[in-house]
Amino acid sequence: MTRFFNKQDIRDERRKKSLWTRIRDVALLDVGVMVRGLDTSSLERLEELLLESDFGVSASLRIVETLTAEGKKGKLRSETDLKELFRREIRKVFEQAEGGVGLRLASSGPTVILTVGVNGVGKTTSIAKLGHLFQQEGRRVLLAAGDTFRAGAIEQVERWAERLGCEIVKSQPGADPASVAYDAVSAAVSRGLDVVILDTAGRLHTQGGLMEELVKMKSVVEKKLPGAPHEVLLVLDSTLGQNSLAQARIFHQKLGVTGLLLAKFDGTSKAGCAVSIVEELKLPVKFVGTGEALEDLEPFEVDGYVEKVLG
């Protein structure tokens, strides 16, 4: 018998459908399925769909368990009931995050934001977007070119600072990033600036020595300005799935991450990785990047996120 579609073809076709369409295909096989309850095979398939969408094991199991319990109680009698259950359970994940969606600002003196993340996630562009956002609020911004390792990184921050018309602190390639952080905070204090945004070298979460350099930068900032950094933002690529969870674990363990910025949010149909990260680490999502322009950074809004993820 000729096979016209291989397994990869089938998987690719499934990904073209929204998560909700795939859930509906499994859960609403006929008009009586919600009354009778889902069988074991269907429940396992729903769990698999959530895992494929990067919800993580804990959140996926909990959602399926809730669905099973409410189905037995006769509370799921229509597609509307089922979809509302998924909306509610995803919202619950984000409601348990600590710290809220707004940025914590200094009560006096400059607010210092340490931004971290691995290479290629869109960190430097996200820093520029943050700077623009603060400028729109009338705050004076300083960018610190703390990535002294990657070729061209300092020049990239320089270009953004010129475009924003804001101040910058930099050093020579190969210089101690902690000294750049110290000089940046010192400059902001002496010049009466409002916000310091520290760029850092992109670290793989498996590179212990480079991670320790970030710890040193944070320590230097804390000593120079008590209470700083006021935010440690982890920039994640929304398209990377469970790799983002592995990154978040290590960065949070080492630095005490205070919030997440989901870059490239417009470039994925899933972004379910945020569910697994928030479920496990209780970290709030602060912002999402929705495009390439400076204006394309939006405060995280849970209902909008739920609708995008479900599709």
C-alpha atoms as a PDB file:
ATOM      1  CA  MET A   1       0.000   0.000   0.000  1.00  0.00           C
ATOM      2  CA  THR A   2       1.404   3.404  -0.986  1.00  0.00           C
ATOM      3  CA  ARG A   3       1.840   5.977   1.804  1.00  0.00           C
ATOM      4  CA  PHE A   4       1.106   9.427   0.457  1.00  0.00           C
ATOM      5  CA  PHE A   5       1.969  11.182   3.742  1.00  0.00           C
ATOM      6  CA  ASN A   6       4.775  10.222   6.100  1.00  0.00           C
ATOM      7  CA  LYS A   7       4.725  10.893   9.847  1.00  0.00           C
ATOM      8  CA  GLN A   8       6.556  14.211   9.447  1.00  0.00           C
ATOM      9  CA  ASP A   9       3.949  15.369   6.920  1.00  0.00           C
ATOM     10  CA  ILE A  10       1.219  14.597   9.417  1.00  0.00           C
ATOM     11  CA  ARG A  11       3.031  16.426  12.241  1.00  0.00           C
ATOM     12  CA  ASP A  12       3.574  19.479  10.010  1.00  0.00           C
ATOM     13  CA  GLU A  13      -0.095  19.510   9.045  1.00  0.00           C
ATOM     14  CA  ARG A  14      -1.118  19.384  12.712  1.00  0.00           C
ATOM     15  CA  ARG A  15       1.085  22.393  13.503  1.00  0.00           C
ATOM     16  CA  LYS A  16      -0.751  24.442  10.878  1.00  0.00           C
ATOM     17  CA  LYS A  17      -3.912  24.141  12.940  1.00  0.00           C
ATOM     18  CA  SER A  18      -4.428  26.305  16.002  1.00  0.00           C
ATOM     19  CA  LEU A  19      -4.113  24.629  19.382  1.00  0.00           C
ATOM     20  CA  TRP A  20      -7.820  25.101  19.993  1.00  0.00           C
ATOM     21  CA  THR A  21      -8.733  23.478  16.679  1.00  0.00           C
ATOM     22  CA  ARG A  22      -6.642  20.443  17.581  1.00  0.00           C
ATOM     23  CA  ILE A  23      -8.163  20.284  21.082  1.00  0.00           C
ATOM     24  CA  ARG A  24     -11.628  20.489  19.578  1.00  0.00           C
ATOM     25  CA  ASP A  25     -10.822  17.745  17.086  1.00  0.00           C
ATOM     26  CA  VAL A  26      -9.983  15.426  19.972  1.00  0.00           C
ATOM     27  CA  ALA A  27     -12.580  16.465  22.540  1.00  0.00           C
ATOM     28  CA  LEU A  28     -15.626  17.017  20.351  1.00  0.00           C
ATOM     29  CA  LEU A  29     -15.710  13.924  18.181  1.00  0.00           C
ATOM     30  CA  ASP A  30     -19.509  13.825  18.272  1.00  0.00           C
ATOM     31  CA  VAL A  31     -22.364  15.677  19.950  1.00  0.00           C
ATOM     32  CA  GLY A  32     -22.523  13.383  22.963  1.00  0.00           C
ATOM     33  CA  VAL A  33     -18.864  13.233  23.896  1.00  0.00           C
ATOM     34  CA  MET A  34     -18.995  15.921  26.580  1.00  0.00           C
ATOM     35  CA  VAL A  35     -21.959  14.280  28.247  1.00  0.00           C
ATOM     36  CA  ARG A  36     -20.381  10.813  28.293  1.00  0.00           C
ATOM     37  CA  GLY A  37     -16.937  12.110  29.209  1.00  0.00           C
ATOM     38  CA  LEU A  38     -13.667  11.724  27.378  1.00  0.00           C
ATOM     39  CA  ASP A  39     -12.116   8.285  27.184  1.00  0.00           C
ATOM     40  CA  THR A  40      -8.568   7.559  28.291  1.00  0.00           C
ATOM     41  CA  SER A  41      -7.188   7.743  24.768  1.00  0.00           C
ATOM     42  CA  SER A  42      -8.666  11.217  24.202  1.00  0.00           C
ATOM     43  CA  LEU A  43      -7.362  12.505  27.521  1.00  0.00           C
ATOM     44  CA  GLU A  44      -3.891  11.237  26.694  1.00  0.00           C
ATOM     45  CA  ARG A  45      -4.046  12.943  23.311  1.00  0.00           C
ATOM     46  CA  LEU A  46      -5.087  16.242  24.932  1.00  0.00           C
ATOM     47  CA  GLU A  47      -2.159  15.970  27.315  1.00  0.00           C
ATOM     48  CA  GLU A  48       0.114  15.303  24.357  1.00  0.00           C
ATOM     49  CA  LEU A  49      -1.210  18.380  22.537  1.00  0.00           C
ATOM     50  CA  LEU A  50      -0.421  20.609  25.519  1.00  0.00           C
ATOM     51  CA  LEU A  51       3.069  19.161  25.830  1.00  0.00           C
ATOM     52  CA  GLU A  52       3.647  19.697  22.104  1.00  0.00           C
ATOM     53  CA  SER A  53       2.652  23.329  22.656  1.00  0.00           C
ATOM     54  CA  ASP A  54       5.345  23.660  25.377  1.00  0.00           C
ATOM     55  CA  PHE A  55       2.994  23.945  28.343  1.00  0.00           C
ATOM     56  CA  GLY A  56       5.259  21.656  30.368  1.00  0.00           C
ATOM     57  CA  VAL A  57       4.377  18.515  32.300  1.00  0.00           C
ATOM     58  CA  SER A  58       2.997  20.127  35.461  1.00  0.00           C
ATOM     59  CA  ALA A  59       0.588  22.535  33.788  1.00  0.00           C
ATOM     60  CA  SER A  60      -0.498  19.966  31.187  1.00  0.00           C
ATOM     61  CA  LEU A  61      -1.341  17.339  33.808  1.00  0.00           C
ATOM     62  CA  ARG A  62      -3.207  19.820  35.972  1.00  0.00           C
ATOM     63  CA  ILE A  63      -5.323  21.112  33.080  1.00  0.00           C
ATOM     64  CA  VAL A  64      -6.254  17.587  31.970  1.00  0.00           C
ATOM     65  CA  GLU A  65      -7.072  16.574  35.555  1.00  0.00           C
ATOM     66  CA  THR A  66      -9.347  19.608  35.915  1.00  0.00           C
ATOM     67  CA  LEU A  67     -11.009  18.801  32.613  1.00  0.00           C
ATOM     68  CA  THR A  68     -11.617  15.220  33.749  1.00  0.00           C
ATOM     69  CA  ALA A  69     -13.068  16.305  37.102  1.00  0.00           C
ATOM     70  CA  GLU A  70     -15.402  18.902  35.624  1.00  0.00           C
ATOM     71  CA  GLY A  71     -16.488  16.518  32.897  1.00  0.00           C
ATOM     72  CA  LYS A  72     -17.532  13.965  35.505  1.00  0.00           C
ATOM     73  CA  LYS A  73     -19.563  16.649  37.260  1.00  0.00           C
ATOM     74  CA  GLY A  74     -21.435  17.394  34.050  1.00  0.00           C
ATOM     75  CA  LYS A  75     -20.043  20.928  33.741  1.00  0.00           C
ATOM     76  CA  LEU A  76     -18.742  20.533  30.201  1.00  0.00           C
ATOM     77  CA  ARG A  77     -21.670  20.296  27.836  1.00  0.00           C
ATOM     78  CA  SER A  78     -20.537  22.427  24.895  1.00  0.00           C
ATOM     79  CA  GLU A  79     -17.533  23.711  23.016  1.00  0.00           C
ATOM     80  CA  THR A  80     -17.979  27.040  24.802  1.00  0.00           C
ATOM     81  CA  ASP A  81     -17.733  25.355  28.208  1.00  0.00           C
ATOM     82  CA  LEU A  82     -14.620  23.490  27.171  1.00  0.00           C
ATOM     83  CA  LYS A  83     -12.843  26.523  25.748  1.00  0.00           C
ATOM     84  CA  GLU A  84     -13.657  28.600  28.824  1.00  0.00           C
ATOM     85  CA  LEU A  85     -12.094  25.875  30.989  1.00  0.00           C
ATOM     86  CA  PHE A  86      -8.850  26.109  29.031  1.00  0.00           C
ATOM     87  CA  ARG A  87      -8.896  29.917  29.204  1.00  0.00           C
ATOM     88  CA  ARG A  88      -9.471  29.827  32.964  1.00  0.00           C
ATOM     89  CA  GLU A  89      -6.783  27.246  33.677  1.00  0.00           C
ATOM     90  CA  ILE A  90      -4.149  29.081  31.622  1.00  0.00           C
ATOM     91  CA  ARG A  91      -5.017  32.367  33.323  1.00  0.00           C
ATOM     92  CA  LYS A  92      -4.553  30.677  36.708  1.00  0.00           C
ATOM     93  CA  VAL A  93      -0.929  29.950  35.849  1.00  0.00           C
ATOM     94  CA  PHE A  94      -0.153  33.641  35.412  1.00  0.00           C
ATOM     95  CA  GLU A  95      -2.173  34.752  38.419  1.00  0.00           C
ATOM     96  CA  GLN A  96       0.217  32.848  40.687  1.00  0.00           C
ATOM     97  CA  ALA A  97       3.289  34.713  39.393  1.00  0.00           C
ATOM     98  CA  GLU A  98       5.033  36.875  41.961  1.00  0.00           C
ATOM     99  CA  GLY A  99       5.827  40.526  41.297  1.00  0.00           C
ATOM    100  CA  GLY A 100       3.099  41.536  38.863  1.00  0.00           C
ATOM    101  CA  VAL A 101       3.488  42.801  35.310  1.00  0.00           C
ATOM    102  CA  GLY A 102       4.677  46.362  36.016  1.00  0.00           C
ATOM    103  CA  LEU A 103       8.338  47.274  36.452  1.00  0.00           C
ATOM    104  CA  ARG A 104       9.648  48.024  39.930  1.00  0.00           C
ATOM    105  CA  LEU A 105      11.043  51.552  39.878  1.00  0.00           C
ATOM    106  CA  ALA A 106      13.467  53.182  42.307  1.00  0.00           C
ATOM    107  CA  SER A 107      11.857  55.397  44.929  1.00  0.00           C
ATOM    108  CA  SER A 108      14.727  57.852  44.446  1.00  0.00           C
ATOM    109  CA  GLY A 109      17.681  58.025  42.119  1.00  0.00           C
ATOM    110  CA  PRO A 110      18.036  56.002  38.924  1.00  0.00           C
ATOM    111  CA  THR A 111      16.189  52.763  38.265  1.00  0.00           C
ATOM    112  CA  VAL A 112      18.671  50.095  37.186  1.00  0.00           C
ATOM    113  CA  ILE A 113      17.561  47.244  34.925  1.00  0.00           C
ATOM    114  CA  LEU A 114      19.897  44.316  34.299  1.00  0.00           C
ATOM    115  CA  THR A 115      18.938  42.463  31.123  1.00  0.00           C
ATOM    116  CA  VAL A 116      20.190  38.929  30.558  1.00  0.00           C
ATOM    117  CA  GLY A 117      19.715  36.119  28.072  1.00  0.00           C
ATOM    118  CA  VAL A 118      21.555  33.933  25.598  1.00  0.00           C
ATOM    119  CA  ASN A 119      22.844  35.061  22.215  1.00  0.00           C
ATOM    120  CA  GLY A 120      20.303  35.464  19.458  1.00  0.00           C
ATOM    121  CA  VAL A 121      17.152  35.992  21.527  1.00  0.00           C
ATOM    122  CA  GLY A 122      16.793  39.670  20.617  1.00  0.00           C
ATOM    123  CA  LYS A 123      18.174  41.092  23.856  1.00  0.00           C
ATOM    124  CA  THR A 124      19.885  44.230  22.551  1.00  0.00           C
ATOM    125  CA  THR A 125      16.900  45.179  20.410  1.00  0.00           C
ATOM    126  CA  SER A 126      14.632  44.628  23.421  1.00  0.00           C
ATOM    127  CA  ILE A 127      16.859  46.943  25.463  1.00  0.00           C
ATOM    128  CA  ALA A 128      16.408  49.672  22.879  1.00  0.00           C
ATOM    129  CA  LYS A 129      12.644  49.143  22.956  1.00  0.00           C
ATOM    130  CA  LEU A 130      12.663  49.452  26.742  1.00  0.00           C
ATOM    131  CA  GLY A 131      14.654  52.661  26.477  1.00  0.00           C
ATOM    132  CA  HIS A 132      12.154  54.055  24.003  1.00  0.00           C
ATOM    133  CA  LEU A 133       9.278  53.107  26.292  1.00  0.00           C
ATOM    134  CA  PHE A 134      10.841  54.986  29.197  1.00  0.00           C
ATOM    135  CA  GLN A 135      11.501  57.998  26.991  1.00  0.00           C
ATOM    136  CA  GLN A 136       7.843  58.064  26.000  1.00  0.00           C
ATOM    137  CA  GLU A 137       7.113  58.408  29.720  1.00  0.00           C
ATOM    138  CA  GLY A 138       9.446  61.406  29.921  1.00  0.00           C
ATOM    139  CA  ARG A 139      12.325  59.592  31.647  1.00  0.00           C
ATOM    140  CA  ARG A 140      15.988  60.162  30.824  1.00  0.00           C
ATOM    141  CA  VAL A 141      17.720  56.939  29.845  1.00  0.00           C
ATOM    142  CA  LEU A 142      21.301  55.685  29.844  1.00  0.00           C
ATOM    143  CA  LEU A 143      22.322  52.515  28.005  1.00  0.00           C
ATOM    144  CA  ALA A 144      25.329  50.552  29.240  1.00  0.00           C
ATOM    145  CA  ALA A 145      27.235  48.420  26.717  1.00  0.00           C
ATOM    146  CA  GLY A 146      28.073  45.597  29.098  1.00  0.00           C
ATOM    147  CA  ASP A 147      28.634  42.987  26.389  1.00  0.00           C
ATOM    148  CA  THR A 148      32.366  43.477  25.895  1.00  0.00           C
ATOM    149  CA  PHE A 149      32.924  39.988  24.463  1.00  0.00           C
ATOM    150  CA  ARG A 150      30.882  39.692  21.280  1.00  0.00           C
ATOM    151  CA  ALA A 151      32.315  41.384  18.221  1.00  0.00           C
ATOM    152  CA  GLY A 152      30.194  44.365  17.269  1.00  0.00           C
ATOM    153  CA  ALA A 153      28.074  44.327  20.438  1.00  0.00           C
ATOM    154  CA  ILE A 154      29.326  47.698  21.702  1.00  0.00           C
ATOM    155  CA  GLU A 155      28.751  49.293  18.302  1.00  0.00           C
ATOM    156  CA  GLN A 156      25.229  47.884  18.234  1.00  0.00           C
ATOM    157  CA  VAL A 157      24.372  49.582  21.542  1.00  0.00           C
ATOM    158  CA  GLU A 158      26.021  52.778  20.293  1.00  0.00           C
ATOM    159  CA  ARG A 159      23.769  52.813  17.246  1.00  0.00           C
ATOM    160  CA  TRP A 160      20.668  52.333  19.370  1.00  0.00           C
ATOM    161  CA  ALA A 161      21.741  55.094  21.778  1.00  0.00           C
ATOM    162  CA  GLU A 162      22.296  57.458  18.845  1.00  0.00           C
ATOM    163  CA  ARG A 163      18.917  56.574  17.407  1.00  0.00           C
ATOM    164  CA  LEU A 164      17.206  57.101  20.758  1.00  0.00           C
ATOM    165  CA  GLY A 165      19.191  60.246  21.502  1.00  0.00           C
ATOM    166  CA  CYS A 166      20.118  58.934  24.936  1.00  0.00           C
ATOM    167  CA  GLU A 167      23.379  58.672  26.850  1.00  0.00           C
ATOM    168  CA  ILE A 168      25.669  55.654  26.770  1.00  0.00           C
ATOM    169  CA  VAL A 169      28.495  54.240  28.860  1.00  0.00           C
ATOM    170  CA  LYS A 170      30.913  51.886  27.138  1.00  0.00           C
ATOM    171  CA  SER A 171      34.452  50.564  27.322  1.00  0.00           C
ATOM    172  CA  GLN A 172      36.951  48.809  25.107  1.00  0.00           C
ATOM    173  CA  PRO A 173      36.275  45.295  23.774  1.00  0.00           C
ATOM    174  CA  GLY A 174      37.439  42.729  26.292  1.00  0.00           C
ATOM    175  CA  ALA A 175      37.059  45.089  29.261  1.00  0.00           C
ATOM    176  CA  ASP A 176      35.572  43.917  32.555  1.00  0.00           C
ATOM    177  CA  PRO A 177      31.755  44.071  32.174  1.00  0.00           C
ATOM    178  CA  ALA A 178      31.394  44.718  35.905  1.00  0.00           C
ATOM    179  CA  SER A 179      33.424  47.920  35.550  1.00  0.00           C
ATOM    180  CA  VAL A 180      31.093  49.065  32.764  1.00  0.00           C
ATOM    181  CA  ALA A 181      28.106  48.439  35.044  1.00  0.00           C
ATOM    182  CA  TYR A 182      29.776  50.377  37.879  1.00  0.00           C
ATOM    183  CA  ASP A 183      30.611  53.324  35.624  1.00  0.00           C
ATOM    184  CA  ALA A 184      27.092  53.386  34.193  1.00  0.00           C
ATOM    185  CA  VAL A 185      25.406  53.555  37.576  1.00  0.00           C
ATOM    186  CA  SER A 186      27.906  56.168  38.770  1.00  0.00           C
ATOM    187  CA  ALA A 187      27.236  58.288  35.681  1.00  0.00           C
ATOM    188  CA  ALA A 188      23.470  58.050  36.100  1.00  0.00           C
ATOM    189  CA  VAL A 189      23.687  59.124  39.737  1.00  0.00           C
ATOM    190  CA  SER A 190      25.998  62.062  39.057  1.00  0.00           C
ATOM    191  CA  ARG A 191      24.001  63.266  36.028  1.00  0.00           C
ATOM    192  CA  GLY A 192      20.599  62.863  37.639  1.00  0.00           C
ATOM    193  CA  LEU A 193      19.336  60.393  35.050  1.00  0.00           C
ATOM    194  CA  ASP A 194      16.218  58.296  35.582  1.00  0.00           C
ATOM    195  CA  VAL A 195      16.923  54.852  34.116  1.00  0.00           C
ATOM    196  CA  VAL A 196      20.008  52.703  33.484  1.00  0.00           C
ATOM    197  CA  ILE A 197      19.551  49.682  31.193  1.00  0.00           C
ATOM    198  CA  LEU A 198      22.495  47.293  31.311  1.00  0.00           C
ATOM    199  CA  ASP A 199      23.239  45.139  28.280  1.00  0.00           C
ATOM    200  CA  THR A 200      25.137  41.929  28.992  1.00  0.00           C
ATOM    201  CA  ALA A 201      26.919  39.278  26.961  1.00  0.00           C
ATOM    202  CA  GLY A 202      24.674  36.479  25.790  1.00  0.00           C
ATOM    203  CA  ARG A 203      25.454  33.440  27.872  1.00  0.00           C
ATOM    204  CA  LEU A 204      24.546  29.863  27.256  1.00  0.00           C
ATOM    205  CA  HIS A 205      22.994  28.689  30.504  1.00  0.00           C
ATOM    206  CA  THR A 206      25.523  25.832  30.507  1.00  0.00           C
ATOM    207  CA  GLN A 207      28.553  28.155  30.592  1.00  0.00           C
ATOM    208  CA  GLY A 208      29.238  28.391  34.311  1.00  0.00           C
ATOM    209  CA  GLY A 209      32.188  30.785  34.159  1.00  0.00           C
ATOM    210  CA  LEU A 210      30.320  33.296  32.038  1.00  0.00           C
ATOM    211  CA  MET A 211      27.291  33.038  34.312  1.00  0.00           C
ATOM    212  CA  GLU A 212      29.523  33.969  37.245  1.00  0.00           C
ATOM    213  CA  GLU A 213      30.480  37.140  35.367  1.00  0.00           C
ATOM    214  CA  LEU A 214      26.817  38.140  35.425  1.00  0.00           C
ATOM    215  CA  VAL A 215      26.708  37.445  39.163  1.00  0.00           C
ATOM    216  CA  LYS A 216      29.698  39.764  39.558  1.00  0.00           C
ATOM    217  CA  MET A 217      27.991  42.517  37.570  1.00  0.00           C
ATOM    218  CA  LYS A 218      24.908  42.284  39.748  1.00  0.00           C
ATOM    219  CA  SER A 219      27.012  42.367  42.916  1.00  0.00           C
ATOM    220  CA  VAL A 220      28.905  45.471  41.781  1.00  0.00           C
ATOM    221  CA  VAL A 221      25.657  47.278  40.998  1.00  0.00           C
ATOM    222  CA  GLU A 222      24.200  46.330  44.403  1.00  0.00           C
ATOM    223  CA  LYS A 223      27.240  47.735  46.204  1.00  0.00           C
ATOM    224  CA  LYS A 224      27.244  50.957  44.199  1.00  0.00           C
ATOM    225  CA  LEU A 225      23.523  51.646  44.572  1.00  0.00           C
ATOM    226  CA  PRO A 226      21.609  49.925  47.396  1.00  0.00           C
ATOM    227  CA  GLY A 227      18.425  48.335  46.095  1.00  0.00           C
ATOM    228  CA  ALA A 228      19.760  47.991  42.561  1.00  0.00           C
ATOM    229  CA  PRO A 229      19.307  46.348  40.161  1.00  0.00           C
ATOM    230  CA  HIS A 230      15.629  47.010  40.602  1.00  0.00           C
ATOM    231  CA  GLU A 231      14.760  44.522  37.874  1.00  0.00           C
ATOM    232  CA  VAL A 232      16.615  41.537  36.432  1.00  0.00           C
ATOM    233  CA  LEU A 233      14.845  40.900  33.139  1.00  0.00           C
ATOM    234  CA  LEU A 234      15.406  37.638  31.304  1.00  0.00           C
ATOM    235  CA  VAL A 235      14.862  38.020  27.560  1.00  0.00           C
ATOM    236  CA  LEU A 236      13.605  34.817  25.934  1.00  0.00           C
ATOM    237  CA  ASP A 237      12.958  33.871  22.338  1.00  0.00           C
ATOM    238  CA  SER A 238       9.254  32.974  22.234  1.00  0.00           C
ATOM    239  CA  THR A 239       9.855  30.481  19.427  1.00  0.00           C
ATOM    240  CA  LEU A 240      12.293  28.235  21.317  1.00  0.00           C
ATOM    241  CA  GLY A 241       9.850  26.192  23.367  1.00  0.00           C
ATOM    242  CA  GLN A 242      11.213  24.122  26.251  1.00  0.00           C
ATOM    243  CA  ASN A 243      14.767  25.343  25.659  1.00  0.00           C
ATOM    244  CA  SER A 244      13.560  28.605  27.189  1.00  0.00           C
ATOM    245  CA  LEU A 245      12.549  26.805  30.393  1.00  0.00           C
ATOM    246  CA  ALA A 246      16.031  25.318  30.756  1.00  0.00           C
ATOM    247  CA  GLN A 247      17.534  28.792  30.318  1.00  0.00           C
ATOM    248  CA  ALA A 248      15.138  30.360  32.803  1.00  0.00           C
ATOM    249  CA  ARG A 249      15.946  27.816  35.514  1.00  0.00           C
ATOM    250  CA  ILE A 250      19.671  28.576  35.520  1.00  0.00           C
ATOM    251  CA  PHE A 251      19.399  32.346  35.134  1.00  0.00           C
ATOM    252  CA  HIS A 252      16.889  32.499  37.979  1.00  0.00           C
ATOM    253  CA  GLN A 253      18.998  30.276  40.203  1.00  0.00           C
ATOM    254  CA  LYS A 254      22.091  32.415  39.663  1.00  0.00           C
ATOM    255  CA  LEU A 255      20.634  35.912  39.472  1.00  0.00           C
ATOM    256  CA  GLY A 256      17.163  35.960  40.974  1.00  0.00           C
ATOM    257  CA  VAL A 257      15.312  36.941  37.817  1.00  0.00           C
ATOM    258  CA  THR A 258      12.420  39.317  38.550  1.00  0.00           C
ATOM    259  CA  GLY A 259      10.590  39.137  35.249  1.00  0.00           C
ATOM    260  CA  LEU A 260      10.480  37.848  31.687  1.00  0.00           C
ATOM    261  CA  LEU A 261      10.478  39.646  28.362  1.00  0.00           C
ATOM    262  CA  LEU A 262       9.203  37.453  25.530  1.00  0.00           C
ATOM    263  CA  ALA A 263      10.929  38.575  22.335  1.00  0.00           C
ATOM    264  CA  LYS A 264       9.742  37.567  18.847  1.00  0.00           C
ATOM    265  CA  PHE A 265       6.238  36.980  20.203  1.00  0.00           C
ATOM    266  CA  ASP A 266       4.843  37.874  16.790  1.00  0.00           C
ATOM    267  CA  GLY A 267       6.898  35.134  15.156  1.00  0.00           C
ATOM    268  CA  THR A 268       5.302  32.110  16.790  1.00  0.00           C
ATOM    269  CA  SER A 269       1.862  30.553  16.903  1.00  0.00           C
ATOM    270  CA  LYS A 270       2.549  28.852  20.228  1.00  0.00           C
ATOM    271  CA  ALA A 271       4.646  30.699  22.842  1.00  0.00           C
ATOM    272  CA  GLY A 272       3.387  28.122  25.320  1.00  0.00           C
ATOM    273  CA  CYS A 273       6.840  28.103  26.919  1.00  0.00           C
ATOM    274  CA  ALA A 274       5.694  30.994  29.110  1.00  0.00           C
ATOM    275  CA  VAL A 275       3.111  28.689  30.688  1.00  0.00           C
ATOM    276  CA  SER A 276       5.718  26.151  31.754  1.00  0.00           C
ATOM    277  CA  ILE A 277       8.162  28.806  33.017  1.00  0.00           C
ATOM    278  CA  VAL A 278       5.598  30.681  35.070  1.00  0.00           C
ATOM    279  CA  GLU A 279       4.085  27.434  36.375  1.00  0.00           C
ATOM    280  CA  GLU A 280       7.469  26.226  37.644  1.00  0.00           C
ATOM    281  CA  LEU A 281       9.319  29.422  38.628  1.00  0.00           C
ATOM    282  CA  LYS A 282       6.426  31.777  39.429  1.00  0.00           C
ATOM    283  CA  LEU A 283       8.100  34.548  37.430  1.00  0.00           C
ATOM    284  CA  PRO A 284       5.883  37.234  35.905  1.00  0.00           C
ATOM    285  CA  VAL A 285       5.973  38.067  32.214  1.00  0.00           C
ATOM    286  CA  LYS A 286       6.576  41.812  32.016  1.00  0.00           C
ATOM    287  CA  PHE A 287       6.659  42.523  28.272  1.00  0.00           C
ATOM    288  CA  VAL A 288       6.258  40.929  24.860  1.00  0.00           C
ATOM    289  CA  GLY A 289       8.055  41.986  21.696  1.00  0.00           C
ATOM    290  CA  THR A 290       5.630  42.182  18.787  1.00  0.00           C
ATOM    291  CA  GLY A 291       7.802  43.368  15.884  1.00  0.00           C
ATOM    292  CA  GLU A 292      11.043  45.025  14.823  1.00  0.00           C
ATOM    293  CA  ALA A 293      10.164  48.687  15.404  1.00  0.00           C
ATOM    294  CA  LEU A 294      11.032  50.564  18.596  1.00  0.00           C
ATOM    295  CA  GLU A 295       7.339  50.860  19.360  1.00  0.00           C
ATOM    296  CA  ASP A 296       6.845  47.091  19.189  1.00  0.00           C
ATOM    297  CA  LEU A 297       7.093  46.325  22.889  1.00  0.00           C
ATOM    298  CA  GLU A 298       3.900  45.844  24.866  1.00  0.00           C
ATOM    299  CA  PRO A 299       3.131  45.194  28.526  1.00  0.00           C
ATOM    300  CA  PHE A 300       2.083  41.585  28.994  1.00  0.00           C
ATOM    301  CA  GLU A 301      -1.664  41.116  29.059  1.00  0.00           C
ATOM    302  CA  VAL A 302      -2.820  37.666  30.072  1.00  0.00           C
ATOM    303  CA  ASP A 303      -6.136  37.524  28.212  1.00  0.00           C
ATOM    304  CA  GLY A 304      -4.483  38.533  24.956  1.00  0.00           C
ATOM    305  CA  TYR A 305      -1.819  35.907  25.552  1.00  0.00           C
ATOM    306  CA  VAL A 306      -4.421  33.191  26.169  1.00  0.00           C
ATOM    307  CA  GLU A 307      -6.241  33.978  22.934  1.00  0.00           C
ATOM    308  CA  LYS A 308      -2.990  33.924  20.947  1.00  0.00           C
ATOM    309  CA  VAL A 309      -1.877  30.610  22.407  1.00  0.00           C
ATOM    310  CA  LEU A 310      -5.210  28.896  21.908  1.00  0.00           C
ATOM    311  CA  GLY A 311      -5.668  30.483  18.486  1.00  0.00           C
END
